[in-house]
Amino acid sequence: MQKNPDKNFVTVEVDPATDDYYVTIPEWIINDLGWYEGTEVEWVIDGDELILKEVVNDWHNVSHLCKR
């Protein structure tokens, strides 16, 4: 799939079997971010914007917090 910065929008769709809402992230965005199937993402709602961020497990910080 080719990158097309003029078309950075998608339509919200509904799965007819589950009635779940979804959007499809273009392959070029997934590739640019280095994501793959199974990448865990976090939803962040900022005003009227939805931001997807990769969840990064920083075990050093977790173990440091547990020692307190």
Protein backbone atom coordinates (compact mmCIF):
# COMPACT_ATOMS: atom_id res chain seq x y z
CA MET A 1 0.00 0.00 0.00
CA GLN A 2 1.38 3.38 -0.92
CA LYS A 3 1.58 6.38 1.36
CA ASN A 4 -0.98 9.04 0.49
CA PRO A 5 -0.75 12.04 2.85
CA ASP A 6 -3.72 13.68 1.07
CA LYS A 7 -6.00 10.88 2.29
CA ASN A 8 -5.36 10.61 6.03
CA PHE A 9 -8.96 9.86 6.92
CA VAL A 10 -11.14 6.78 7.25
CA THR A 11 -14.81 6.05 7.84
CA VAL A 12 -16.15 4.53 11.05
CA GLU A 13 -17.73 1.20 10.17
CA VAL A 14 -19.88 -1.36 12.01
CA ASP A 15 -19.25 -5.10 12.02
CA PRO A 16 -22.64 -6.61 11.11
CA ALA A 17 -21.96 -9.80 13.09
CA THR A 18 -21.00 -8.10 16.38
CA ASP A 19 -22.33 -4.53 16.03
CA ASP A 20 -18.84 -3.34 17.11
CA TYR A 21 -17.59 -0.08 15.63
CA TYR A 22 -14.16 -0.07 14.00
CA VAL A 23 -11.79 1.83 11.73
CA THR A 24 -9.09 0.37 9.53
CA ILE A 25 -5.61 1.80 9.97
CA PRO A 26 -3.87 2.04 6.57
CA GLU A 27 -0.98 -0.39 6.11
CA TRP A 28 1.51 2.41 5.41
CA ILE A 29 0.79 3.95 8.83
CA ILE A 30 1.26 0.58 10.56
CA ASN A 31 4.55 0.12 8.67
CA ASP A 32 5.78 3.66 9.44
CA LEU A 33 5.09 3.12 13.15
CA GLY A 34 6.76 -0.29 13.17
CA TRP A 35 3.54 -1.88 14.44
CA TYR A 36 2.39 -5.39 13.60
CA GLU A 37 -0.56 -7.66 14.33
CA GLY A 38 -0.68 -8.00 18.10
CA THR A 39 0.83 -4.58 18.87
CA GLU A 40 -0.90 -3.30 22.00
CA VAL A 41 -2.21 0.25 21.69
CA GLU A 42 -3.73 2.67 24.17
CA TRP A 43 -6.68 4.96 23.39
CA VAL A 44 -6.12 8.55 24.52
CA ILE A 45 -9.01 10.99 24.21
CA ASP A 46 -7.82 14.61 24.16
CA GLY A 47 -10.77 16.97 23.76
CA ASP A 48 -12.35 16.01 20.47
CA GLU A 49 -9.33 14.00 19.26
CA LEU A 50 -8.60 10.30 19.55
CA ILE A 51 -4.93 9.37 19.77
CA LEU A 52 -3.57 5.84 19.49
CA LYS A 53 -0.27 5.20 21.26
CA GLU A 54 1.75 2.02 21.38
CA VAL A 55 1.88 0.57 24.88
CA VAL A 56 5.52 0.31 25.90
CA ASN A 57 6.18 -1.91 28.90
CA ASP A 58 9.04 -0.36 30.82
CA TRP A 59 9.77 -3.10 33.34
CA HIS A 60 12.60 -1.06 34.89
CA ASN A 61 10.16 1.64 35.98
CA VAL A 62 7.59 -0.94 37.14
CA SER A 63 10.11 -2.80 39.31
CA HIS A 64 11.41 0.53 40.64
CA LEU A 65 7.88 1.57 41.67
CA CYS A 66 7.28 -1.81 43.33
CA LYS A 67 10.34 -1.35 45.57
CA ARG A 68 8.93 1.77 47.21
